Protein backbone atom coordinates (compact mmCIF):
# COMPACT_ATOMS: atom_id res chain seq x y z
CA UNK A 1 6.03 13.58 2.68
CA UNK A 2 5.50 11.28 -0.19
CA UNK A 3 3.15 8.26 0.31
CA UNK A 4 2.49 6.09 -3.04
CA UNK A 5 -0.82 4.16 -2.33
CA UNK A 6 -0.73 0.53 -3.65
CA UNK A 7 -3.38 -1.10 -6.39
CA UNK A 8 -1.69 -4.12 -8.19
CA UNK A 9 -4.71 -4.35 -11.30
CA UNK A 10 -3.51 -0.99 -11.96
CA UNK A 11 -0.14 -2.68 -13.15
CA UNK A 12 -0.83 -5.86 -14.84
CA UNK A 13 -4.65 -7.85 -14.84
CA UNK A 14 -1.87 -10.93 -14.98
CA UNK A 15 -0.45 -13.37 -12.63
CA UNK A 16 2.36 -11.40 -12.53
CA UNK A 17 0.68 -8.40 -10.86
CA UNK A 18 1.76 -9.13 -7.34
CA UNK A 19 6.03 -9.38 -8.64
CA UNK A 20 5.21 -5.45 -10.90
CA UNK A 21 4.25 -3.89 -7.63
CA UNK A 22 7.24 -5.12 -5.44
CA UNK A 23 9.22 -3.69 -8.27
CA UNK A 24 7.28 -0.31 -8.30
CA UNK A 25 7.92 -0.24 -4.53
CA UNK A 26 11.41 -1.38 -4.51
CA UNK A 27 11.70 1.48 -7.50
CA UNK A 28 9.67 4.16 -5.15
CA UNK A 29 11.85 3.52 -2.30
CA UNK A 30 15.08 4.55 -4.79
CA UNK A 31 13.43 7.32 -5.51
CA UNK A 32 13.51 8.12 -1.86
CA UNK A 33 9.66 8.46 -1.13
CA UNK A 34 8.92 8.20 2.22
CA UNK A 35 5.59 5.78 2.48
CA UNK A 36 3.72 2.63 0.70
CA UNK A 37 0.47 2.00 1.81
CA UNK A 38 0.14 -1.47 0.61
CA UNK A 39 -4.17 -1.19 0.08
CA UNK A 40 -5.22 -4.60 -1.53
CA UNK A 41 -8.34 -5.34 -0.01
CA UNK A 42 -9.14 -8.28 -1.61
CA UNK A 43 -6.81 -10.46 -0.10
CA UNK A 44 -6.82 -12.80 2.61
CA UNK A 45 -4.88 -12.14 5.95
CA UNK A 46 -2.06 -14.49 4.86
CA UNK A 47 -1.51 -13.52 1.02
CA UNK A 48 -1.66 -10.25 2.22
CA UNK A 49 1.63 -10.67 5.26
CA UNK A 50 3.24 -12.16 2.40
CA UNK A 51 2.72 -9.90 0.24
CA UNK A 52 3.82 -7.37 2.64
CA UNK A 53 7.07 -8.58 3.54
CA UNK A 54 7.60 -8.71 -0.48
CA UNK A 55 7.52 -5.53 -0.25
CA UNK A 56 9.24 -4.73 3.47
CA UNK A 57 12.30 -6.61 2.08
CA UNK A 58 11.96 -4.59 -0.79
CA UNK A 59 12.98 -1.71 0.73
CA UNK A 60 15.34 -2.35 3.03
CA UNK A 61 18.43 -0.62 3.61
CA UNK A 62 16.25 3.04 2.63
CA UNK A 63 14.45 5.19 4.63
CA UNK A 64 11.20 3.87 2.92
CA UNK A 65 8.18 3.18 5.39
CA UNK A 66 5.76 0.49 4.27
CA UNK A 67 2.57 0.82 6.09
CA UNK A 68 -0.44 -1.54 5.82
CA UNK A 69 -3.71 -0.07 5.06
CA UNK A 70 -6.48 -0.40 8.23
CA UNK A 71 -4.71 -4.21 9.36
CA UNK A 72 -2.64 -3.76 12.52
CA UNK A 73 -2.29 -7.80 12.69
CA UNK A 74 -1.33 -7.98 9.39
CA UNK A 75 1.48 -5.23 10.14
CA UNK A 76 2.85 -6.38 13.18
CA UNK A 77 2.50 -9.80 11.47
CA UNK A 78 4.19 -8.40 8.34
CA UNK A 79 7.10 -6.47 9.98
CA UNK A 80 5.56 -3.51 8.31
CA UNK A 81 6.86 0.02 9.59
CA UNK A 82 3.17 1.13 10.30
CA UNK A 83 -0.80 1.50 9.79
CA UNK A 84 -2.77 3.43 8.25
CA UNK A 85 -6.74 3.46 9.44
CA UNK A 86 -10.09 4.87 7.24
CA UNK A 87 -11.92 7.44 8.52
CA UNK A 88 -14.41 4.56 10.38
CA UNK A 89 -11.01 2.25 11.82
CA UNK A 90 -10.94 1.94 15.15
CA UNK A 91 -8.73 4.87 17.42
CA UNK A 92 -5.52 4.90 17.03
CA UNK A 93 -4.68 4.61 20.74
CA UNK A 94 -6.33 1.10 20.04
CA UNK A 95 -3.31 -0.52 18.04
CA UNK A 96 -0.46 2.17 19.76
CA UNK A 97 0.35 -0.81 21.98
CA UNK A 98 0.77 -3.17 19.47
CA UNK A 99 2.68 -1.08 16.97
CA UNK A 100 4.70 0.72 19.20
CA UNK A 101 6.28 3.57 18.24
CA UNK A 102 5.40 2.09 13.93
CA UNK A 103 3.68 4.58 12.38
CA UNK A 104 0.43 5.45 12.47
CA UNK A 105 -1.44 7.33 9.92
CA UNK A 106 -5.58 7.89 9.44
CA UNK A 107 -7.93 9.10 7.16
CA UNK A 108 -10.07 12.25 7.44
CA UNK A 109 -12.33 14.03 5.74
CA UNK A 110 -12.81 17.65 7.59
CA UNK A 111 -11.36 20.11 9.50
CA UNK A 112 -13.46 19.11 12.70
CA UNK A 113 -12.52 15.19 12.22
CA UNK A 114 -8.71 16.49 12.14
CA UNK A 115 -9.43 18.31 15.39
CA UNK A 116 -10.68 15.29 17.36
CA UNK A 117 -8.25 12.27 15.28
CA UNK A 118 -5.22 15.00 16.30
CA UNK A 119 -6.56 15.79 20.04
CA UNK A 120 -6.78 11.64 20.54
CA UNK A 121 -3.05 12.24 20.05
CA UNK A 122 -0.93 8.98 18.87
CA UNK A 123 -1.50 9.63 14.98
CA UNK A 124 1.81 10.83 12.92
CA UNK A 125 0.13 11.72 10.10
CA UNK A 126 -3.34 12.64 8.32
CA UNK A 127 -4.77 11.80 4.29
CA UNK A 128 -7.74 14.29 3.28
CA UNK A 129 -9.62 14.08 0.50
CA UNK A 130 -10.92 13.22 -2.02
CA UNK A 131 -9.90 16.75 -3.84
CA UNK A 132 -9.68 15.29 -7.80
CA UNK A 133 -11.86 12.95 -9.58
CA UNK A 134 -10.41 9.64 -9.67
CA UNK A 135 -10.45 6.18 -10.52
CA UNK A 136 -10.33 3.92 -7.58
CA UNK A 137 -13.00 6.05 -6.16
CA UNK A 138 -15.96 6.40 -9.05
CA UNK A 139 -17.25 9.07 -10.69
CA UNK A 140 -20.04 9.41 -7.67
CA UNK A 141 -17.76 10.43 -4.62
CA UNK A 142 -17.86 13.58 -3.00
CA UNK A 143 -15.14 16.26 -4.04
CA UNK A 144 -13.37 18.18 -1.12
CA UNK A 145 -12.86 21.72 -1.26
CA UNK A 146 -8.83 23.36 -1.60
CA UNK A 147 -10.12 25.29 1.75
CA UNK A 148 -11.83 22.46 2.95
CA UNK A 149 -7.75 20.89 2.85
CA UNK A 150 -6.80 24.50 4.02
CA UNK A 151 -8.96 24.07 7.29
CA UNK A 152 -7.82 20.56 7.72
CA UNK A 153 -4.70 21.47 7.86
CA UNK A 154 -4.73 24.48 11.02
CA UNK A 155 -7.93 21.85 12.68
CA UNK A 156 -4.66 19.10 11.85
CA UNK A 157 -2.26 21.22 15.14
CA UNK A 158 1.00 20.83 13.65
CA UNK A 159 0.29 16.41 12.17
CA UNK A 160 1.65 16.58 8.45
CA UNK A 161 -2.07 16.90 6.45
CA UNK A 162 -1.50 14.89 2.86
CA UNK A 163 -4.23 15.53 -0.27
CA UNK A 164 -4.98 12.83 -1.87
CA UNK A 165 -7.54 12.03 -5.04
CA UNK A 166 -6.49 12.95 -8.80
CA UNK A 167 -3.28 14.29 -7.86
CA UNK A 168 -0.58 15.58 -10.33
CA UNK A 169 2.70 18.06 -9.76
CA UNK A 170 0.27 20.62 -10.86
CA UNK A 171 -2.82 20.14 -7.94
CA UNK A 172 0.45 19.26 -5.36
CA UNK A 173 1.63 22.99 -5.19
CA UNK A 174 -2.01 23.80 -4.97
CA UNK A 175 -2.51 21.79 -1.93
CA UNK A 176 1.23 22.95 -0.96
CA UNK A 177 -0.29 26.34 -1.18
CA UNK A 178 -3.07 25.38 1.35
CA UNK A 179 -0.85 23.53 4.03
CA UNK A 180 -0.60 20.16 2.79
CA UNK A 181 2.45 18.65 4.60
CA UNK A 182 2.51 16.12 0.88
CA UNK A 183 0.48 13.91 -1.26
CA UNK A 184 -0.52 10.16 -1.35
CA UNK A 185 -1.61 8.75 -4.56
CA UNK A 186 -1.42 5.78 -6.80
CA UNK A 187 -2.36 6.74 -10.30
CA UNK A 188 0.38 9.38 -10.17
CA UNK A 189 3.14 7.33 -9.46
CA UNK A 190 2.15 4.42 -12.00
CA UNK A 191 4.51 4.98 -15.14
CA UNK A 192 3.49 5.28 -18.51
CA UNK A 193 3.17 1.92 -20.86
CA UNK A 194 7.19 1.64 -22.21
CA UNK A 195 8.50 3.40 -19.39
CA UNK A 196 11.56 2.85 -16.91
CA UNK A 197 9.47 2.35 -13.91
CA UNK A 198 12.78 3.74 -12.40
CA UNK A 199 13.15 7.17 -14.07
CA UNK A 200 9.51 7.83 -13.53
CA UNK A 201 9.24 7.23 -10.00
CA UNK A 202 12.74 9.45 -10.00
CA UNK A 203 10.75 12.26 -11.65
CA UNK A 204 7.58 12.36 -9.90
CA UNK A 205 9.85 12.48 -6.64
CA UNK A 206 11.97 15.15 -7.31
CA UNK A 207 9.00 17.15 -9.44
CA UNK A 208 6.65 17.44 -6.24
CA UNK A 209 9.76 17.84 -3.89
CA UNK A 210 10.19 20.92 -5.21
CA UNK A 211 6.51 21.75 -5.74
CA UNK A 212 6.64 21.78 -2.20
CA UNK A 213 9.95 23.53 -2.09
CA UNK A 214 8.79 26.50 -4.02
CA UNK A 215 5.43 27.33 -2.93
CA UNK A 216 4.29 29.17 -0.27
CA UNK A 217 1.51 28.44 2.23
CA UNK A 218 -1.30 30.85 1.16
CA UNK A 219 -3.54 31.35 4.41
């Protein structure tokens, strides 16, 4: 499972940032990326709803699902496919009635938390991290280990766990060996200057799937 987390400011500092984000989402859907988590915390509800609607339209006719970071109300208003909850957010059971059969994910930071969340039900996947240094979290962030990821995957009781934080294709292979079902990231999906967004995302998606297909879990 591959999850692209958005940050339009990583794409452009100008007024075209939202347009470039929608282009990235469309390319991600064409590349078969499973989840798009719209994480644009600086936008008010009105602007966020408008952006999410554009992202949903950009994925139409594909299997890619658009989720909104921590805003179930926005997800519902924009017709998104679900929501991703922060670790300190309300319980998934409290918003299941709003989203129906929509996708609900949650961030966790350890095995104990994963056990509690999975035991409570109503989550479809978990995201665990931060594993490696990343620009989006800053240098002060305490990093998790692959052993902690392995323990979290065991505690999740069959719920898919995605690794996040400074992910590369090579690090994704390490996460796969630790039991992760996929990865989530921001920078990994941003194409280098001058490179086609479609070419970049197809290459990354194929490389990630190859890494997970060929890596055996090391218990």
